[in-house]
N, C-alpha and C. Protein backbone atom coordinates (compact mmCIF):
# COMPACT_ATOMS: atom_id res chain seq x y z
N UNK A 1 -1.15 27.70 -27.81
CA UNK A 1 -0.29 28.11 -26.89
C UNK A 1 -1.60 27.43 -25.53
N UNK A 2 -2.79 27.57 -25.75
CA UNK A 2 -3.76 27.03 -24.73
C UNK A 2 -3.68 25.77 -24.64
N UNK A 3 -3.55 24.94 -25.75
CA UNK A 3 -3.39 23.60 -25.83
C UNK A 3 -2.05 23.17 -24.88
N UNK A 4 -0.84 23.61 -25.14
CA UNK A 4 0.48 23.54 -24.56
C UNK A 4 0.22 23.36 -22.92
N UNK A 5 -0.48 24.91 -22.53
CA UNK A 5 -1.04 25.22 -21.29
C UNK A 5 -1.71 24.03 -20.47
N UNK A 6 -2.63 23.70 -21.42
CA UNK A 6 -3.39 22.25 -20.49
C UNK A 6 -2.71 21.41 -20.61
N UNK A 7 -1.95 20.87 -21.53
CA UNK A 7 -0.81 19.66 -21.37
C UNK A 7 -0.05 19.88 -20.06
N UNK A 8 0.44 20.83 -19.74
CA UNK A 8 1.58 21.11 -18.63
C UNK A 8 0.41 20.92 -17.78
N UNK A 9 -0.64 21.46 -17.11
CA UNK A 9 -1.43 21.05 -16.02
C UNK A 9 -1.70 19.81 -15.83
N UNK A 10 -2.20 19.07 -16.98
CA UNK A 10 -2.12 17.72 -16.99
C UNK A 10 -1.17 16.86 -16.40
N UNK A 11 -0.16 17.20 -16.79
CA UNK A 11 1.20 16.33 -16.62
C UNK A 11 1.52 16.92 -15.36
N UNK A 12 1.28 17.98 -14.94
CA UNK A 12 1.54 18.41 -13.33
C UNK A 12 0.82 17.47 -12.20
N UNK A 13 -0.33 16.96 -12.81
CA UNK A 13 -0.76 16.29 -11.69
C UNK A 13 -1.06 14.36 -11.86
N UNK A 14 -0.56 14.23 -13.32
CA UNK A 14 -0.37 12.74 -13.70
C UNK A 14 1.16 12.17 -13.18
N UNK A 15 1.19 10.97 -12.97
CA UNK A 15 2.20 10.08 -12.20
C UNK A 15 3.39 10.25 -13.68
N UNK A 16 4.43 10.52 -13.30
CA UNK A 16 5.38 10.75 -14.48
C UNK A 16 5.55 9.50 -15.44
N UNK A 17 5.60 9.51 -16.50
CA UNK A 17 5.43 8.06 -17.56
C UNK A 17 6.59 7.20 -17.37
N UNK A 18 7.73 7.60 -16.72
CA UNK A 18 8.71 6.75 -16.22
C UNK A 18 8.72 6.25 -14.99
N UNK A 19 7.72 6.68 -14.26
CA UNK A 19 7.52 5.89 -13.02
C UNK A 19 7.19 4.54 -13.08
N UNK A 20 7.75 3.60 -12.05
CA UNK A 20 7.46 2.27 -11.99
C UNK A 20 5.72 2.37 -11.84
N UNK A 21 5.17 1.26 -12.20
CA UNK A 21 3.65 1.06 -12.08
C UNK A 21 3.25 -0.12 -11.09
N UNK A 22 2.76 0.29 -10.12
CA UNK A 22 2.44 -0.27 -8.83
C UNK A 22 1.01 -1.11 -8.95
N UNK A 23 0.37 -0.56 -10.23
CA UNK A 23 -1.32 -0.70 -10.17
C UNK A 23 -1.40 -2.39 -10.56
N UNK A 24 -2.61 -2.90 -10.02
CA UNK A 24 -2.91 -4.30 -10.69
C UNK A 24 -3.26 -5.11 -9.45
N UNK A 25 -3.10 -6.34 -10.01
CA UNK A 25 -3.44 -7.51 -8.65
C UNK A 25 -2.39 -8.10 -8.41
N UNK A 26 -2.21 -8.38 -6.95
CA UNK A 26 -0.96 -8.93 -6.49
C UNK A 26 -1.18 -10.12 -5.70
N UNK A 27 -0.52 -11.16 -5.48
CA UNK A 27 -0.96 -12.34 -4.79
C UNK A 27 0.37 -12.63 -3.83
N UNK A 28 -0.17 -13.22 -2.90
CA UNK A 28 0.93 -13.26 -1.60
C UNK A 28 1.70 -14.77 -1.58
N UNK A 29 2.84 -14.68 -2.00
CA UNK A 29 3.67 -15.95 -1.80
C UNK A 29 3.55 -16.52 -0.32
N UNK A 30 3.84 -15.42 0.62
CA UNK A 30 3.66 -15.50 2.08
C UNK A 30 2.66 -16.12 2.66
N UNK A 31 1.44 -15.50 2.48
CA UNK A 31 0.19 -15.90 2.76
C UNK A 31 -0.78 -16.43 1.22
N UNK A 32 -1.05 -17.55 1.12
CA UNK A 32 -1.53 -17.78 -0.31
C UNK A 32 -2.94 -17.68 -0.28
N UNK A 33 -3.76 -17.20 0.89
CA UNK A 33 -5.00 -16.85 0.71
C UNK A 33 -5.48 -15.53 0.53
N UNK A 34 -4.28 -14.64 0.14
CA UNK A 34 -4.45 -13.13 0.28
C UNK A 34 -4.09 -12.67 -1.02
N UNK A 35 -5.00 -11.90 -1.81
CA UNK A 35 -4.64 -10.64 -2.92
C UNK A 35 -4.77 -9.50 -2.61
N UNK A 36 -3.88 -8.74 -3.32
CA UNK A 36 -4.08 -7.18 -2.98
C UNK A 36 -4.29 -6.49 -4.53
N UNK A 37 -4.92 -5.59 -4.35
CA UNK A 37 -5.14 -4.99 -5.62
C UNK A 37 -5.04 -3.50 -5.39
N UNK A 38 -4.16 -3.10 -6.59
CA UNK A 38 -3.69 -1.39 -6.11
C UNK A 38 -4.19 -0.57 -7.47
N UNK A 39 -4.99 0.27 -7.14
CA UNK A 39 -5.66 1.10 -8.10
C UNK A 39 -5.25 2.64 -7.82
N UNK A 40 -5.10 3.51 -9.02
CA UNK A 40 -4.82 4.92 -9.05
C UNK A 40 -6.04 5.65 -8.07
N UNK A 41 -5.77 6.48 -7.37
CA UNK A 41 -6.78 7.20 -6.43
C UNK A 41 -6.37 8.82 -6.46
N UNK A 42 -6.95 9.60 -6.84
CA UNK A 42 -6.75 11.08 -6.73
C UNK A 42 -5.54 11.44 -7.70
N UNK A 43 -4.91 12.64 -7.08
CA UNK A 43 -3.88 13.00 -7.67
C UNK A 43 -2.56 12.34 -7.32
N UNK A 44 -2.17 11.08 -7.84
CA UNK A 44 -0.91 10.50 -7.38
C UNK A 44 -0.96 9.47 -6.37
N UNK A 45 -2.38 9.42 -5.74
CA UNK A 45 -2.45 8.37 -4.57
C UNK A 45 -2.66 6.72 -5.38
N UNK A 46 -3.07 6.05 -4.38
CA UNK A 46 -3.92 4.54 -4.65
C UNK A 46 -4.67 4.45 -3.72
N UNK A 47 -5.64 3.45 -4.09
CA UNK A 47 -6.48 2.71 -3.50
C UNK A 47 -5.97 1.27 -3.20
N UNK A 48 -5.97 0.94 -2.23
CA UNK A 48 -5.56 -0.37 -1.90
C UNK A 48 -6.74 -1.23 -1.22
N UNK A 49 -6.90 -2.63 -1.95
CA UNK A 49 -7.93 -3.41 -1.34
C UNK A 49 -7.33 -4.84 -1.28
N UNK A 50 -7.43 -5.44 -0.11
CA UNK A 50 -6.84 -6.70 0.06
C UNK A 50 -8.09 -7.68 0.09
N UNK A 51 -7.94 -9.03 -0.16
CA UNK A 51 -9.28 -10.14 -0.06
C UNK A 51 -8.45 -10.99 0.67
N UNK A 52 -8.98 -11.05 1.89
CA UNK A 52 -8.47 -12.12 3.08
C UNK A 52 -9.03 -13.38 3.00
N UNK A 53 -8.76 -14.67 2.41
CA UNK A 53 -9.59 -15.63 2.43
C UNK A 53 -9.74 -16.36 3.78
N UNK A 54 -10.54 -16.37 4.80
CA UNK A 54 -10.37 -17.20 5.96
C UNK A 54 -11.43 -18.35 5.96
N UNK A 55 -11.21 -19.64 5.62
CA UNK A 55 -12.24 -20.84 5.70
C UNK A 55 -12.99 -20.16 4.45
N UNK A 56 -14.37 -20.51 4.47
CA UNK A 56 -15.21 -19.84 3.47
C UNK A 56 -15.84 -18.35 3.51
N UNK A 57 -15.12 -17.89 4.24
CA UNK A 57 -15.24 -16.01 4.01
C UNK A 57 -14.32 -15.74 3.73
N UNK A 58 -14.88 -14.39 2.78
CA UNK A 58 -13.56 -13.38 2.27
C UNK A 58 -13.61 -12.24 2.95
N UNK A 59 -12.80 -11.83 3.45
CA UNK A 59 -12.91 -10.34 4.36
C UNK A 59 -12.12 -9.23 3.41
N UNK A 60 -12.92 -8.11 3.29
CA UNK A 60 -12.41 -7.10 2.32
C UNK A 60 -11.46 -6.13 3.36
N UNK A 61 -10.56 -5.95 3.27
CA UNK A 61 -9.64 -4.52 4.05
C UNK A 61 -9.20 -3.71 2.74
N UNK A 62 -9.64 -2.30 3.01
CA UNK A 62 -9.44 -1.27 2.06
C UNK A 62 -9.20 0.04 2.57
N UNK A 63 -8.24 1.12 1.93
CA UNK A 63 -7.80 2.15 2.27
C UNK A 63 -7.63 3.02 1.08
N UNK A 64 -7.59 4.28 1.01
CA UNK A 64 -7.14 5.28 -0.10
C UNK A 64 -6.01 6.07 0.47
N UNK A 65 -5.03 6.23 -0.04
CA UNK A 65 -3.93 6.71 0.38
C UNK A 65 -3.44 7.67 -0.76
N UNK A 66 -3.00 9.11 -0.05
CA UNK A 66 -2.36 10.10 -1.06
C UNK A 66 -0.87 9.70 -1.26
N UNK A 67 -0.44 8.60 -0.52
CA UNK A 67 0.96 8.36 -0.56
C UNK A 67 1.96 9.44 -0.20
N UNK A 68 1.68 10.35 0.66
CA UNK A 68 2.53 11.44 0.87
C UNK A 68 2.84 11.55 2.59
N UNK A 69 2.32 10.09 3.30
CA UNK A 69 2.90 10.32 4.55
C UNK A 69 1.31 10.69 5.71
N UNK A 70 0.43 10.96 4.87
CA UNK A 70 -0.55 11.30 5.89
C UNK A 70 -1.39 9.77 6.01
N UNK A 71 -2.19 10.00 7.37
CA UNK A 71 -2.98 8.86 7.87
C UNK A 71 -3.96 8.44 7.06
N UNK A 72 -4.11 7.34 6.79
CA UNK A 72 -5.45 6.86 6.01
C UNK A 72 -6.00 5.63 7.03
N UNK A 73 -7.62 5.88 6.76
CA UNK A 73 -8.24 4.80 7.55
C UNK A 73 -8.31 3.74 6.91
N UNK A 74 -8.16 2.57 7.60
CA UNK A 74 -8.35 1.24 7.06
C UNK A 74 -9.71 0.72 7.49
N UNK A 75 -10.52 0.36 6.25
CA UNK A 75 -11.73 -0.33 6.57
C UNK A 75 -11.59 -1.69 6.29
N UNK A 76 -12.70 -2.47 7.18
CA UNK A 76 -12.76 -3.81 7.03
C UNK A 76 -14.40 -4.31 6.85
N UNK A 77 -14.28 -4.78 5.75
CA UNK A 77 -15.50 -5.03 4.80
C UNK A 77 -16.83 -3.71 5.60
N UNK A 78 -16.07 -2.49 4.71
CA UNK A 78 -16.72 -1.38 4.74
C UNK A 78 -16.78 -0.39 5.82
N UNK A 79 -16.08 -1.15 7.03
CA UNK A 79 -16.59 -0.25 8.59
C UNK A 79 -14.84 0.05 9.07
N UNK A 80 -14.83 1.30 9.51
CA UNK A 80 -13.67 1.66 10.16
C UNK A 80 -13.21 0.79 11.15
N UNK A 81 -11.96 0.47 11.08
CA UNK A 81 -11.36 -0.92 11.62
C UNK A 81 -10.55 -0.04 13.11
N UNK A 82 -10.18 1.01 13.05
CA UNK A 82 -9.31 1.61 14.36
C UNK A 82 -8.17 1.63 13.78
N UNK A 83 -7.77 1.02 12.52
CA UNK A 83 -6.35 0.99 12.21
C UNK A 83 -5.98 2.03 10.98
N UNK A 84 -4.97 2.65 11.31
CA UNK A 84 -4.64 3.94 10.02
C UNK A 84 -3.53 3.26 9.39
N UNK A 85 -3.10 3.69 8.17
CA UNK A 85 -1.67 3.56 7.49
C UNK A 85 -1.29 4.70 7.10
N UNK A 86 -0.07 5.31 7.05
CA UNK A 86 0.44 6.42 6.64
C UNK A 86 1.53 5.96 5.63
N UNK A 87 1.12 6.15 4.37
CA UNK A 87 2.07 5.73 3.55
C UNK A 87 2.84 6.69 2.48
N UNK A 88 3.98 6.66 2.64
CA UNK A 88 4.78 7.75 2.14
C UNK A 88 5.75 6.93 0.56
N UNK A 89 5.52 7.51 -0.44
CA UNK A 89 6.02 7.09 -1.60
C UNK A 89 7.51 7.65 -1.39
N UNK A 90 8.76 7.13 -1.30
CA UNK A 90 9.96 7.62 -1.38
C UNK A 90 10.85 7.67 -2.67
N UNK A 91 10.11 6.91 -3.50
CA UNK A 91 10.87 7.09 -4.94
C UNK A 91 9.94 6.16 -5.74
N UNK A 92 9.77 6.21 -6.93
CA UNK A 92 9.02 5.14 -7.92
C UNK A 92 9.12 3.76 -7.26
N UNK A 93 10.06 3.04 -6.60
CA UNK A 93 10.09 1.77 -6.43
C UNK A 93 10.14 1.60 -5.20
N UNK A 94 10.13 2.52 -4.18
CA UNK A 94 10.10 2.29 -2.65
C UNK A 94 8.84 3.21 -1.73
N UNK A 95 8.36 2.59 -0.73
CA UNK A 95 7.41 3.13 0.16
C UNK A 95 7.96 2.74 1.58
N UNK A 96 7.21 3.61 2.48
CA UNK A 96 7.47 3.43 3.70
C UNK A 96 6.18 3.74 4.60
N UNK A 97 5.77 2.91 5.41
CA UNK A 97 4.34 3.08 6.13
C UNK A 97 4.83 2.94 7.61
N UNK A 98 3.88 3.67 8.31
CA UNK A 98 3.55 3.59 9.85
C UNK A 98 2.33 3.10 10.12
N UNK A 99 2.14 2.02 10.60
CA UNK A 99 0.73 1.85 11.14
C UNK A 99 0.49 1.96 12.43
N UNK A 100 -0.72 2.38 12.62
CA UNK A 100 -1.27 2.85 14.34
C UNK A 100 -2.34 1.93 14.42
N UNK A 101 -2.64 1.42 15.45
CA UNK A 101 -4.23 1.08 15.79
C UNK A 101 -4.57 1.63 17.17
N UNK A 102 -5.67 2.42 16.68
CA UNK A 102 -6.30 2.92 17.63
C UNK A 102 -5.37 3.97 18.11
N UNK A 103 -4.82 4.71 17.43
CA UNK A 103 -3.80 5.89 17.55
C UNK A 103 -2.51 5.69 17.96
N UNK A 104 -2.44 4.48 18.54
CA UNK A 104 -0.90 3.75 18.94
C UNK A 104 -0.34 3.29 18.03
N UNK A 105 1.27 3.22 18.04
CA UNK A 105 1.97 2.71 17.00
C UNK A 105 1.87 1.09 16.73
N UNK A 106 1.91 0.76 15.79
CA UNK A 106 1.74 -0.57 15.75
C UNK A 106 2.69 -1.55 14.82
N UNK A 107 3.51 -0.68 13.96
CA UNK A 107 4.72 -1.07 13.28
C UNK A 107 4.58 -0.34 12.17
N UNK A 108 5.92 -0.53 11.39
CA UNK A 108 6.35 -0.12 10.26
C UNK A 108 6.49 -1.16 8.87
N UNK A 109 6.46 -0.44 7.83
CA UNK A 109 6.72 -1.40 6.75
C UNK A 109 7.21 -0.55 5.84
N UNK A 110 8.36 -1.60 5.14
CA UNK A 110 9.27 -0.71 3.95
C UNK A 110 9.10 -1.79 2.66
N UNK A 111 8.60 -1.30 1.39
CA UNK A 111 8.17 -1.90 0.43
C UNK A 111 9.24 -1.36 -0.66
N UNK A 112 9.46 -2.35 -1.73
CA UNK A 112 9.93 -2.46 -2.96
C UNK A 112 9.50 -2.85 -3.84
N UNK A 113 9.33 -2.38 -5.06
CA UNK A 113 8.79 -2.87 -6.25
C UNK A 113 10.22 -3.34 -7.07
N UNK A 114 10.37 -4.34 -7.60
CA UNK A 114 11.28 -4.94 -8.27
C UNK A 114 11.60 -4.24 -9.82
N UNK A 115 12.81 -4.03 -10.13
CA UNK A 115 12.78 -3.50 -11.48
C UNK A 115 12.29 -3.98 -12.68
N UNK A 116 11.98 -5.23 -12.71
CA UNK A 116 11.10 -5.46 -13.69
C UNK A 116 9.70 -5.28 -13.60
N UNK A 117 9.21 -5.01 -12.40
CA UNK A 117 7.82 -4.51 -12.09
C UNK A 117 6.84 -5.91 -11.74
N UNK A 118 7.43 -6.91 -11.65
CA UNK A 118 6.80 -8.24 -11.35
C UNK A 118 6.49 -8.53 -9.76
N UNK A 119 7.60 -8.25 -8.98
CA UNK A 119 7.59 -8.31 -7.60
C UNK A 119 7.77 -7.71 -6.87
N UNK A 120 6.60 -7.55 -5.60
CA UNK A 120 6.78 -6.52 -4.58
C UNK A 120 7.21 -7.13 -3.29
N UNK A 121 8.22 -6.45 -2.73
CA UNK A 121 8.52 -7.31 -1.30
C UNK A 121 8.46 -6.25 -0.32
N UNK A 122 7.72 -6.61 0.83
CA UNK A 122 7.36 -5.80 1.98
C UNK A 122 7.82 -6.33 3.36
N UNK A 123 9.10 -5.70 3.69
CA UNK A 123 9.54 -5.94 4.87
C UNK A 123 8.76 -5.17 6.28
N UNK A 124 8.29 -5.90 7.26
CA UNK A 124 7.38 -5.59 8.14
C UNK A 124 8.07 -5.72 9.49
N UNK A 125 7.94 -4.51 10.35
CA UNK A 125 8.36 -4.52 11.71
C UNK A 125 7.52 -4.17 12.88
N UNK A 126 6.93 -5.22 13.16
CA UNK A 126 5.79 -4.93 14.44
C UNK A 126 6.49 -4.47 15.48
N UNK A 127 5.70 -3.44 16.48
CA UNK A 127 6.26 -3.36 17.83
C UNK A 127 6.50 -4.55 18.69
N UNK A 128 7.22 -4.34 19.57
CA UNK A 128 7.50 -5.70 20.99
C UNK A 128 6.24 -5.55 21.66
N UNK A 129 5.99 -6.73 22.10
CA UNK A 129 4.64 -6.96 22.67
C UNK A 129 5.23 -7.69 24.23
N UNK A 130 4.70 -6.71 24.84
CA UNK A 130 5.01 -7.39 26.75
C UNK A 130 6.48 -7.66 26.74
N UNK A 131 7.15 -6.82 26.00
CA UNK A 131 8.88 -6.73 26.51
C UNK A 131 9.67 -8.12 25.50
N UNK A 132 8.98 -8.62 24.80
CA UNK A 132 9.31 -9.75 24.22
C UNK A 132 9.87 -8.99 22.77
N UNK A 133 11.02 -9.27 22.03
CA UNK A 133 11.42 -8.61 20.95
C UNK A 133 10.66 -8.62 19.81
N UNK A 134 10.24 -7.95 18.96
CA UNK A 134 9.56 -7.96 17.82
C UNK A 134 10.02 -8.65 16.73
N UNK A 135 9.41 -9.60 15.99
CA UNK A 135 9.57 -10.51 15.01
C UNK A 135 9.15 -9.72 13.53
N UNK A 136 10.22 -9.50 12.81
CA UNK A 136 10.02 -8.93 11.53
C UNK A 136 9.69 -9.96 10.59
N UNK A 137 8.91 -9.70 9.50
CA UNK A 137 8.79 -10.64 8.60
C UNK A 137 8.79 -9.91 7.38
N UNK A 138 8.73 -10.76 6.09
CA UNK A 138 9.14 -10.27 4.80
C UNK A 138 8.01 -10.99 3.87
N UNK A 139 6.89 -10.08 3.36
CA UNK A 139 5.99 -10.59 2.53
C UNK A 139 6.67 -10.51 1.05
N UNK A 140 5.85 -11.41 0.11
CA UNK A 140 6.50 -11.29 -1.26
C UNK A 140 5.47 -11.58 -1.94
N UNK A 141 5.15 -10.56 -2.86
CA UNK A 141 3.84 -10.48 -3.73
C UNK A 141 4.30 -10.64 -5.33
N UNK A 142 3.42 -11.42 -5.98
CA UNK A 142 4.09 -11.51 -7.34
C UNK A 142 2.39 -10.97 -8.04
N UNK A 143 2.90 -10.07 -9.19
CA UNK A 143 1.78 -9.52 -9.86
C UNK A 143 0.95 -10.60 -10.64
N UNK A 144 -0.22 -10.86 -10.59
CA UNK A 144 -0.94 -11.60 -11.52
C UNK A 144 -0.85 -11.25 -12.71
């Protein structure tokens, strides 16, 4: 009975076995100098780390999200950047993110993991700037 109770408690905090696996290293088709690594974090959350190659330098951007829609601080090379991301897992293959810069809305993003788990597609919708319409972008990531 104790073993069964312990198993139920462990499974309550674990991601369901049938859930899609977002973890791993991803390369950007849209921006060849960027890789993204997604690792488990906390109870059902993710640690997301981007390595952005600019000339001979690599910038590291990272954040830890509970994936429940709460804001998480985005770090650049280990220092707070003023940016936050509030990522919400909608289901096992879809997320919705609200991005803010210094507390002000900066854009949104919808992501979808392919059924085979090999491709991640993000549709980004930045805010309009100086009255000009925003330009939506699509990022395609392939699992390494």
